[in-house]
Structures are given as C-alpha cells and as structure tokens.
Amino acid sequence: MATKAKAPAVHLHVKSGDLVKVIAGDERGKTGTIKSVNRSTQRVIIEGLNLVTKHNKPSAKNPQGGITKIESPMHVSNVKKVDSANS
C-alpha cells in the first residue's frame, strides 16, 4: 500500500513569537501571539485563540478525567502579521 507523500516545507510570512491578527473565521478581529508553526501543513497555533473542547478519559495519570480547552491550529492564510510600530 502506498503511503501519502509529505508536502515540502514552505517559507511562511510569520514565525513563532510574532503578534498576529486573525482575518478570517470565528476568531476574526482578535490578536494573539504565535505559539508554534507547522511549515509542512502551513498551520499556526495562536495563544488563547481557536479553542476546542477535548474530553479526557480517566487514566492513571489523570484519575478524574474531565473536559479541557486546547488551542487548535489554523491555516496561515487566516492570519496577518501586526506591525507593533503601527498599533
């Protein structure tokens, strides 16, 4: 069975630590700092934005289980770098 070929890493207009503004999607208009960048999938994780709910099953590490909110990646085309000198 053939495996899916990985997309080559491309150059993006943002990097980790940059201040960005979301220009599309549910979080439109909000600003945040980039936590991590995945160049092969062209997705970024922004601190405190695009939160999704994750249900955790009880385990030895977490006997209580529960529901947590984590940041989900969004496509790099949905963010715009904010120039700190103009804000």
PDB file of N, CA and C in Angstrom:
ATOM      1  N   MET A   1       0.843  -1.184   0.000  1.00  0.00           N
ATOM      2  CA  MET A   1       0.000   0.000   0.000  1.00  0.00           C
ATOM      3  C   MET A   1       0.884   1.243   0.000  1.00  0.00           C
ATOM      4  N   ALA A   2       0.569   2.171  -0.856  1.00  0.00           N
ATOM      5  CA  ALA A   2       1.356   3.397  -0.982  1.00  0.00           C
ATOM      6  C   ALA A   2       1.057   4.336   0.182  1.00  0.00           C
ATOM      7  N   THR A   3       2.083   5.002   0.671  1.00  0.00           N
ATOM      8  CA  THR A   3       1.896   5.981   1.741  1.00  0.00           C
ATOM      9  C   THR A   3       1.769   7.367   1.137  1.00  0.00           C
ATOM     10  N   LYS A   4       1.082   8.230   1.851  1.00  0.00           N
ATOM     11  CA  LYS A   4       0.874   9.595   1.381  1.00  0.00           C
ATOM     12  C   LYS A   4       2.182  10.387   1.483  1.00  0.00           C
ATOM     13  N   ALA A   5       2.553  11.034   0.426  1.00  0.00           N
ATOM     14  CA  ALA A   5       3.786  11.810   0.404  1.00  0.00           C
ATOM     15  C   ALA A   5       3.609  13.085   1.228  1.00  0.00           C
ATOM     16  N   LYS A   6       4.643  13.434   1.995  1.00  0.00           N
ATOM     17  CA  LYS A   6       4.591  14.658   2.791  1.00  0.00           C
ATOM     18  C   LYS A   6       4.810  15.871   1.901  1.00  0.00           C
ATOM     19  N   ALA A   7       4.075  16.933   2.198  1.00  0.00           N
ATOM     20  CA  ALA A   7       4.258  18.175   1.458  1.00  0.00           C
ATOM     21  C   ALA A   7       5.574  18.817   1.893  1.00  0.00           C
ATOM     22  N   PRO A   8       6.287  19.425   0.969  1.00  0.00           N
ATOM     23  CA  PRO A   8       7.552  20.066   1.343  1.00  0.00           C
ATOM     24  C   PRO A   8       7.300  21.293   2.220  1.00  0.00           C
ATOM     25  N   ALA A   9       8.227  21.553   3.123  1.00  0.00           N
ATOM     26  CA  ALA A   9       8.114  22.726   3.991  1.00  0.00           C
ATOM     27  C   ALA A   9       8.303  23.985   3.156  1.00  0.00           C
ATOM     28  N   VAL A  10       7.424  24.948   3.360  1.00  0.00           N
ATOM     29  CA  VAL A  10       7.485  26.184   2.590  1.00  0.00           C
ATOM     30  C   VAL A  10       7.802  27.361   3.509  1.00  0.00           C
ATOM     31  N   HIS A  11       8.218  28.464   2.911  1.00  0.00           N
ATOM     32  CA  HIS A  11       8.503  29.688   3.654  1.00  0.00           C
ATOM     33  C   HIS A  11       7.186  30.395   3.957  1.00  0.00           C
ATOM     34  N   LEU A  12       6.963  30.763   5.218  1.00  0.00           N
ATOM     35  CA  LEU A  12       5.732  31.439   5.627  1.00  0.00           C
ATOM     36  C   LEU A  12       6.041  32.876   6.037  1.00  0.00           C
ATOM     37  N   HIS A  13       5.013  33.718   6.048  1.00  0.00           N
ATOM     38  CA  HIS A  13       5.202  35.131   6.371  1.00  0.00           C
ATOM     39  C   HIS A  13       5.216  35.408   7.876  1.00  0.00           C
ATOM     40  N   VAL A  14       5.036  34.380   8.700  1.00  0.00           N
ATOM     41  CA  VAL A  14       5.044  34.548  10.157  1.00  0.00           C
ATOM     42  C   VAL A  14       5.955  33.502  10.787  1.00  0.00           C
ATOM     43  N   LYS A  15       6.360  33.760  12.035  1.00  0.00           N
ATOM     44  CA  LYS A  15       7.167  32.799  12.778  1.00  0.00           C
ATOM     45  C   LYS A  15       6.720  32.800  14.233  1.00  0.00           C
ATOM     46  N   SER A  16       7.213  31.877  15.029  1.00  0.00           N
ATOM     47  CA  SER A  16       6.846  31.783  16.438  1.00  0.00           C
ATOM     48  C   SER A  16       7.199  33.075  17.156  1.00  0.00           C
ATOM     49  N   GLY A  17       6.288  33.538  18.008  1.00  0.00           N
ATOM     50  CA  GLY A  17       6.520  34.761  18.765  1.00  0.00           C
ATOM     51  C   GLY A  17       5.982  36.009  18.106  1.00  0.00           C
ATOM     52  N   ASP A  18       5.564  35.937  16.850  1.00  0.00           N
ATOM     53  CA  ASP A  18       5.014  37.102  16.149  1.00  0.00           C
ATOM     54  C   ASP A  18       3.624  37.443  16.672  1.00  0.00           C
ATOM     55  N   LEU A  19       3.299  38.734  16.684  1.00  0.00           N
ATOM     56  CA  LEU A  19       1.959  39.198  17.021  1.00  0.00           C
ATOM     57  C   LEU A  19       1.153  39.221  15.731  1.00  0.00           C
ATOM     58  N   VAL A  20       0.022  38.499  15.726  1.00  0.00           N
ATOM     59  CA  VAL A  20      -0.792  38.407  14.514  1.00  0.00           C
ATOM     60  C   VAL A  20      -2.242  38.747  14.814  1.00  0.00           C
ATOM     61  N   LYS A  21      -2.958  39.140  13.753  1.00  0.00           N
ATOM     62  CA  LYS A  21      -4.388  39.411  13.822  1.00  0.00           C
ATOM     63  C   LYS A  21      -5.090  38.392  12.941  1.00  0.00           C
ATOM     64  N   VAL A  22      -6.178  37.806  13.449  1.00  0.00           N
ATOM     65  CA  VAL A  22      -6.933  36.822  12.679  1.00  0.00           C
ATOM     66  C   VAL A  22      -7.852  37.578  11.733  1.00  0.00           C
ATOM     67  N   ILE A  23      -7.794  37.235  10.441  1.00  0.00           N
ATOM     68  CA  ILE A  23      -8.571  37.970   9.442  1.00  0.00           C
ATOM     69  C   ILE A  23      -9.730  37.147   8.873  1.00  0.00           C
ATOM     70  N   ALA A  24      -9.850  35.878   9.273  1.00  0.00           N
ATOM     71  CA  ALA A  24     -10.939  35.034   8.764  1.00  0.00           C
ATOM     72  C   ALA A  24     -11.309  33.991   9.807  1.00  0.00           C
ATOM     73  N   GLY A  25     -12.563  33.580   9.790  1.00  0.00           N
ATOM     74  CA  GLY A  25     -13.019  32.524  10.687  1.00  0.00           C
ATOM     75  C   GLY A  25     -13.739  33.076  11.907  1.00  0.00           C
ATOM     76  N   ASP A  26     -14.027  32.196  12.853  1.00  0.00           N
ATOM     77  CA  ASP A  26     -14.776  32.552  14.055  1.00  0.00           C
ATOM     78  C   ASP A  26     -14.038  33.554  14.940  1.00  0.00           C
ATOM     79  N   GLU A  27     -12.715  33.538  14.898  1.00  0.00           N
ATOM     80  CA  GLU A  27     -11.909  34.410  15.758  1.00  0.00           C
ATOM     81  C   GLU A  27     -11.517  35.710  15.058  1.00  0.00           C
ATOM     82  N   ARG A  28     -12.216  36.083  13.980  1.00  0.00           N
ATOM     83  CA  ARG A  28     -11.884  37.259  13.184  1.00  0.00           C
ATOM     84  C   ARG A  28     -11.794  38.514  14.041  1.00  0.00           C
ATOM     85  N   GLY A  29     -10.714  39.291  13.835  1.00  0.00           N
ATOM     86  CA  GLY A  29     -10.540  40.554  14.532  1.00  0.00           C
ATOM     87  C   GLY A  29      -9.725  40.458  15.808  1.00  0.00           C
ATOM     88  N   LYS A  30      -9.486  39.260  16.319  1.00  0.00           N
ATOM     89  CA  LYS A  30      -8.726  39.088  17.560  1.00  0.00           C
ATOM     90  C   LYS A  30      -7.239  39.005  17.257  1.00  0.00           C
ATOM     91  N   THR A  31      -6.432  39.424  18.226  1.00  0.00           N
ATOM     92  CA  THR A  31      -4.988  39.357  18.068  1.00  0.00           C
ATOM     93  C   THR A  31      -4.395  38.422  19.106  1.00  0.00           C
ATOM     94  N   GLY A  32      -3.249  37.860  18.787  1.00  0.00           N
ATOM     95  CA  GLY A  32      -2.566  36.961  19.704  1.00  0.00           C
ATOM     96  C   GLY A  32      -1.154  36.686  19.226  1.00  0.00           C
ATOM     97  N   THR A  33      -0.411  35.983  20.069  1.00  0.00           N
ATOM     98  CA  THR A  33       0.972  35.635  19.772  1.00  0.00           C
ATOM     99  C   THR A  33       1.041  34.195  19.272  1.00  0.00           C
ATOM    100  N   ILE A  34       1.859  33.964  18.271  1.00  0.00           N
ATOM    101  CA  ILE A  34       2.004  32.618  17.719  1.00  0.00           C
ATOM    102  C   ILE A  34       2.833  31.766  18.667  1.00  0.00           C
ATOM    103  N   LYS A  35       2.256  30.612  19.035  1.00  0.00           N
ATOM    104  CA  LYS A  35       2.912  29.651  19.916  1.00  0.00           C
ATOM    105  C   LYS A  35       3.799  28.702  19.128  1.00  0.00           C
ATOM    106  N   SER A  36       3.275  28.166  18.019  1.00  0.00           N
ATOM    107  CA  SER A  36       4.063  27.256  17.194  1.00  0.00           C
ATOM    108  C   SER A  36       3.619  27.331  15.743  1.00  0.00           C
ATOM    109  N   VAL A  37       4.533  26.924  14.848  1.00  0.00           N
ATOM    110  CA  VAL A  37       4.289  26.956  13.409  1.00  0.00           C
ATOM    111  C   VAL A  37       4.620  25.584  12.841  1.00  0.00           C
ATOM    112  N   ASN A  38       3.718  25.046  12.008  1.00  0.00           N
ATOM    113  CA  ASN A  38       3.978  23.805  11.293  1.00  0.00           C
ATOM    114  C   ASN A  38       4.095  24.164   9.816  1.00  0.00           C
ATOM    115  N   ARG A  39       5.320  24.161   9.291  1.00  0.00           N
ATOM    116  CA  ARG A  39       5.551  24.605   7.920  1.00  0.00           C
ATOM    117  C   ARG A  39       5.060  23.609   6.895  1.00  0.00           C
ATOM    118  N   SER A  40       5.047  22.318   7.208  1.00  0.00           N
ATOM    119  CA  SER A  40       4.625  21.335   6.210  1.00  0.00           C
ATOM    120  C   SER A  40       3.113  21.366   5.984  1.00  0.00           C
ATOM    121  N   THR A  41       2.322  21.644   7.026  1.00  0.00           N
ATOM    122  CA  THR A  41       0.871  21.744   6.860  1.00  0.00           C
ATOM    123  C   THR A  41       0.404  23.189   6.744  1.00  0.00           C
ATOM    124  N   GLN A  42       1.314  24.145   6.876  1.00  0.00           N
ATOM    125  CA  GLN A  42       1.038  25.581   6.806  1.00  0.00           C
ATOM    126  C   GLN A  42      -0.001  26.009   7.832  1.00  0.00           C
ATOM    127  N   ARG A  43       0.168  25.552   9.072  1.00  0.00           N
ATOM    128  CA  ARG A  43      -0.770  25.897  10.137  1.00  0.00           C
ATOM    129  C   ARG A  43      -0.026  26.491  11.326  1.00  0.00           C
ATOM    130  N   VAL A  44      -0.704  27.386  12.046  1.00  0.00           N
ATOM    131  CA  VAL A  44      -0.124  28.035  13.222  1.00  0.00           C
ATOM    132  C   VAL A  44      -1.059  27.856  14.413  1.00  0.00           C
ATOM    133  N   ILE A  45      -0.470  27.820  15.610  1.00  0.00           N
ATOM    134  CA  ILE A  45      -1.251  27.791  16.846  1.00  0.00           C
ATOM    135  C   ILE A  45      -1.054  29.134  17.520  1.00  0.00           C
ATOM    136  N   ILE A  46      -2.167  29.819  17.801  1.00  0.00           N
ATOM    137  CA  ILE A  46      -2.125  31.143  18.411  1.00  0.00           C
ATOM    138  C   ILE A  46      -2.570  31.024  19.860  1.00  0.00           C
ATOM    139  N   GLU A  47      -1.802  31.628  20.743  1.00  0.00           N
ATOM    140  CA  GLU A  47      -2.046  31.556  22.179  1.00  0.00           C
ATOM    141  C   GLU A  47      -3.418  32.126  22.544  1.00  0.00           C
ATOM    142  N   GLY A  48      -4.266  31.283  23.138  1.00  0.00           N
ATOM    143  CA  GLY A  48      -5.563  31.723  23.632  1.00  0.00           C
ATOM    144  C   GLY A  48      -6.668  31.855  22.602  1.00  0.00           C
ATOM    145  N   LEU A  49      -6.399  31.531  21.334  1.00  0.00           N
ATOM    146  CA  LEU A  49      -7.410  31.649  20.286  1.00  0.00           C
ATOM    147  C   LEU A  49      -7.705  30.292  19.657  1.00  0.00           C
ATOM    148  N   ASN A  50      -8.870  30.193  19.009  1.00  0.00           N
ATOM    149  CA  ASN A  50      -9.315  28.985  18.321  1.00  0.00           C
ATOM    150  C   ASN A  50      -9.352  27.789  19.279  1.00  0.00           C
ATOM    151  N   LEU A  51      -9.985  27.978  20.429  1.00  0.00           N
ATOM    152  CA  LEU A  51     -10.053  26.933  21.443  1.00  0.00           C
ATOM    153  C   LEU A  51     -11.080  25.874  21.067  1.00  0.00           C
ATOM    154  N   VAL A  52     -10.720  24.606  21.283  1.00  0.00           N
ATOM    155  CA  VAL A  52     -11.638  23.490  21.091  1.00  0.00           C
ATOM    156  C   VAL A  52     -11.724  22.706  22.395  1.00  0.00           C
ATOM    157  N   THR A  53     -12.828  22.010  22.587  1.00  0.00           N
ATOM    158  CA  THR A  53     -13.049  21.237  23.798  1.00  0.00           C
ATOM    159  C   THR A  53     -12.548  19.818  23.594  1.00  0.00           C
ATOM    160  N   LYS A  54     -11.738  19.335  24.523  1.00  0.00           N
ATOM    161  CA  LYS A  54     -11.219  17.971  24.465  1.00  0.00           C
ATOM    162  C   LYS A  54     -11.717  17.212  25.685  1.00  0.00           C
ATOM    163  N   HIS A  55     -12.346  16.066  25.458  1.00  0.00           N
ATOM    164  CA  HIS A  55     -12.840  15.226  26.538  1.00  0.00           C
ATOM    165  C   HIS A  55     -11.764  14.200  26.876  1.00  0.00           C
ATOM    166  N   ASN A  56     -11.342  14.173  28.154  1.00  0.00           N
ATOM    167  CA  ASN A  56     -10.287  13.268  28.581  1.00  0.00           C
ATOM    168  C   ASN A  56     -10.865  12.128  29.406  1.00  0.00           C
ATOM    169  N   LYS A  57     -10.506  10.906  29.026  1.00  0.00           N
ATOM    170  CA  LYS A  57     -10.943   9.719  29.738  1.00  0.00           C
ATOM    171  C   LYS A  57     -10.118   9.583  31.019  1.00  0.00           C
ATOM    172  N   PRO A  58     -10.689   9.112  32.105  1.00  0.00           N
ATOM    173  CA  PRO A  58      -9.893   8.891  33.313  1.00  0.00           C
ATOM    174  C   PRO A  58      -8.760   7.892  33.048  1.00  0.00           C
ATOM    175  N   SER A  59      -7.580   8.183  33.603  1.00  0.00           N
ATOM    176  CA  SER A  59      -6.423   7.301  33.434  1.00  0.00           C
ATOM    177  C   SER A  59      -5.598   7.341  34.711  1.00  0.00           C
ATOM    178  N   ALA A  60      -4.496   6.608  34.726  1.00  0.00           N
ATOM    179  CA  ALA A  60      -3.626   6.598  35.901  1.00  0.00           C
ATOM    180  C   ALA A  60      -3.018   7.980  36.125  1.00  0.00           C
ATOM    181  N   LYS A  61      -2.677   8.657  35.046  1.00  0.00           N
ATOM    182  CA  LYS A  61      -2.093   9.988  35.145  1.00  0.00           C
ATOM    183  C   LYS A  61      -3.124  11.027  35.567  1.00  0.00           C
ATOM    184  N   ASN A  62      -4.353  10.891  35.060  1.00  0.00           N
ATOM    185  CA  ASN A  62      -5.434  11.823  35.363  1.00  0.00           C
ATOM    186  C   ASN A  62      -6.662  11.013  35.796  1.00  0.00           C
ATOM    187  N   PRO A  63      -6.741  10.634  37.086  1.00  0.00           N
ATOM    188  CA  PRO A  63      -7.830   9.756  37.526  1.00  0.00           C
ATOM    189  C   PRO A  63      -9.214  10.400  37.446  1.00  0.00           C
ATOM    190  N   GLN A  64      -9.271  11.720  37.451  1.00  0.00           N
ATOM    191  CA  GLN A  64     -10.557  12.412  37.417  1.00  0.00           C
ATOM    192  C   GLN A  64     -11.133  12.469  35.999  1.00  0.00           C
ATOM    193  N   GLY A  65     -10.259  12.542  34.990  1.00  0.00           N
ATOM    194  CA  GLY A  65     -10.749  12.751  33.623  1.00  0.00           C
ATOM    195  C   GLY A  65     -11.219  14.184  33.486  1.00  0.00           C
ATOM    196  N   GLY A  66     -12.166  14.444  32.594  1.00  0.00           N
ATOM    197  CA  GLY A  66     -12.754  15.770  32.503  1.00  0.00           C
ATOM    198  C   GLY A  66     -12.678  16.372  31.122  1.00  0.00           C
ATOM    199  N   ILE A  67     -13.011  17.651  31.066  1.00  0.00           N
ATOM    200  CA  ILE A  67     -13.063  18.390  29.811  1.00  0.00           C
ATOM    201  C   ILE A  67     -12.048  19.527  29.887  1.00  0.00           C
ATOM    202  N   THR A  68     -11.205  19.626  28.861  1.00  0.00           N
ATOM    203  CA  THR A  68     -10.220  20.706  28.818  1.00  0.00           C
ATOM    204  C   THR A  68     -10.366  21.466  27.502  1.00  0.00           C
ATOM    205  N   LYS A  69      -9.908  22.699  27.497  1.00  0.00           N
ATOM    206  CA  LYS A  69      -9.910  23.521  26.284  1.00  0.00           C
ATOM    207  C   LYS A  69      -8.463  23.664  25.822  1.00  0.00           C
ATOM    208  N   ILE A  70      -8.223  23.368  24.544  1.00  0.00           N
ATOM    209  CA  ILE A  70      -6.881  23.490  23.975  1.00  0.00           C
ATOM    210  C   ILE A  70      -6.947  24.323  22.699  1.00  0.00           C
ATOM    211  N   GLU A  71      -5.813  24.942  22.345  1.00  0.00           N
ATOM    212  CA  GLU A  71      -5.745  25.723  21.114  1.00  0.00           C
ATOM    213  C   GLU A  71      -5.633  24.777  19.930  1.00  0.00           C
ATOM    214  N   SER A  72      -6.395  25.072  18.902  1.00  0.00           N
ATOM    215  CA  SER A  72      -6.372  24.273  17.685  1.00  0.00           C
ATOM    216  C   SER A  72      -5.628  25.051  16.603  1.00  0.00           C
ATOM    217  N   PRO A  73      -4.910  24.356  15.715  1.00  0.00           N
ATOM    218  CA  PRO A  73      -4.197  25.075  14.663  1.00  0.00           C
ATOM    219  C   PRO A  73      -5.141  25.700  13.638  1.00  0.00           C
ATOM    220  N   MET A  74      -4.724  26.818  13.068  1.00  0.00           N
ATOM    221  CA  MET A  74      -5.487  27.433  11.977  1.00  0.00           C
ATOM    222  C   MET A  74      -4.529  27.701  10.821  1.00  0.00           C
ATOM    223  N   HIS A  75      -5.085  27.800   9.628  1.00  0.00           N
ATOM    224  CA  HIS A  75      -4.254  27.973   8.440  1.00  0.00           C
ATOM    225  C   HIS A  75      -3.596  29.351   8.451  1.00  0.00           C
ATOM    226  N   VAL A  76      -2.377  29.384   7.956  1.00  0.00           N
ATOM    227  CA  VAL A  76      -1.581  30.608   7.988  1.00  0.00           C
ATOM    228  C   VAL A  76      -2.202  31.719   7.134  1.00  0.00           C
ATOM    229  N   SER A  77      -3.039  31.367   6.150  1.00  0.00           N
ATOM    230  CA  SER A  77      -3.676  32.382   5.316  1.00  0.00           C
ATOM    231  C   SER A  77      -4.752  33.155   6.067  1.00  0.00           C
ATOM    232  N   ASN A  78      -5.163  32.655   7.231  1.00  0.00           N
ATOM    233  CA  ASN A  78      -6.191  33.329   8.021  1.00  0.00           C
ATOM    234  C   ASN A  78      -5.617  34.320   9.024  1.00  0.00           C
ATOM    235  N   VAL A  79      -4.302  34.514   9.024  1.00  0.00           N
ATOM    236  CA  VAL A  79      -3.684  35.454   9.963  1.00  0.00           C
ATOM    237  C   VAL A  79      -2.860  36.481   9.212  1.00  0.00           C
ATOM    238  N   LYS A  80      -2.748  37.669   9.817  1.00  0.00           N
ATOM    239  CA  LYS A  80      -1.965  38.763   9.241  1.00  0.00           C
ATOM    240  C   LYS A  80      -1.014  39.260  10.325  1.00  0.00           C
ATOM    241  N   LYS A  81       0.249  39.416   9.984  1.00  0.00           N
ATOM    242  CA  LYS A  81       1.244  39.898  10.934  1.00  0.00           C
ATOM    243  C   LYS A  81       0.929  41.346  11.296  1.00  0.00           C
ATOM    244  N   VAL A  82       0.971  41.659  12.601  1.00  0.00           N
ATOM    245  CA  VAL A  82       0.685  43.012  13.072  1.00  0.00           C
ATOM    246  C   VAL A  82       2.014  43.694  13.323  1.00  0.00           C
ATOM    247  N   ASP A  83       2.173  44.872  12.732  1.00  0.00           N
ATOM    248  CA  ASP A  83       3.378  45.670  12.944  1.00  0.00           C
ATOM    249  C   ASP A  83       3.210  46.404  14.271  1.00  0.00           C
ATOM    250  N   SER A  84       4.058  46.096  15.240  1.00  0.00           N
ATOM    251  CA  SER A  84       3.912  46.679  16.575  1.00  0.00           C
ATOM    252  C   SER A  84       4.119  48.205  16.566  1.00  0.00           C
ATOM    253  N   ALA A  85       4.814  48.749  15.557  1.00  0.00           N
ATOM    254  CA  ALA A  85       5.045  50.194  15.483  1.00  0.00           C
ATOM    255  C   ALA A  85       3.763  50.937  15.089  1.00  0.00           C
ATOM    256  N   ASN A  86       2.857  50.276  14.336  1.00  0.00           N
ATOM    257  CA  ASN A  86       1.639  50.931  13.883  1.00  0.00           C
ATOM    258  C   ASN A  86       0.452  50.709  14.800  1.00  0.00           C
ATOM    259  N   SER A  87       0.580  49.865  15.826  1.00  0.00           N
ATOM    260  CA  SER A  87      -0.582  49.588  16.659  1.00  0.00           C
ATOM    261  C   SER A  87      -0.674  50.428  17.877  1.00  0.00           C
TER     262      SER A  87
END
